[in-house]
Protein backbone atom coordinates (compact mmCIF):
# COMPACT_ATOMS: atom_id res chain seq x y z
CA MET A 1 109.77 110.70 145.66
CA ASP A 2 108.19 110.85 149.08
CA SER A 3 110.60 110.73 152.04
CA GLY A 4 108.28 108.29 153.83
CA PHE A 5 108.63 105.93 150.88
CA LEU A 6 112.43 106.17 151.07
CA VAL A 7 112.35 105.32 154.78
CA PHE A 8 110.12 102.33 153.97
CA ILE A 9 112.60 101.10 151.32
CA ASP A 10 115.48 101.58 153.75
CA THR A 11 113.66 99.55 156.40
CA LEU A 12 112.99 96.77 153.88
CA GLU A 13 116.66 96.65 152.92
CA SER A 14 117.70 96.46 156.58
CA ALA A 15 115.17 93.71 157.26
CA ARG A 16 116.40 91.72 154.26
CA PHE A 17 120.00 92.11 155.45
CA LEU A 18 119.05 90.91 158.95
CA MET A 19 117.17 87.92 157.55
CA LEU A 20 120.19 86.91 155.42
CA ASN A 21 122.51 87.20 158.42
CA PHE A 22 120.08 85.27 160.62
CA GLY A 23 119.79 82.53 157.99
CA ALA A 24 123.57 82.22 157.80
CA PHE A 25 123.73 82.16 161.60
CA LEU A 26 121.14 79.37 161.81
CA LYS A 27 123.00 77.40 159.14
CA GLY A 28 126.22 77.71 161.12
CA LEU A 29 124.41 76.71 164.29
CA SER A 30 122.97 73.54 162.74
CA LEU A 31 126.41 72.64 161.34
CA PHE A 32 127.88 73.15 164.81
CA ASN A 33 125.18 70.89 166.30
CA GLU A 34 125.97 68.14 163.78
CA VAL A 35 129.67 68.30 164.68
CA VAL A 36 128.82 68.10 168.40
CA MET A 37 126.58 65.09 167.73
CA ILE A 38 129.44 63.28 165.95
CA VAL A 39 131.76 63.93 168.90
């Protein structure tokens, strides 16, 4: 295996992790907005 390829895979994994976290964050944010709207 090429080391450049491993770095590429590692970057993809990190990006996927960030996207999942960001998605969860946005979901929490929209829930928070709905609660604020009710109040």
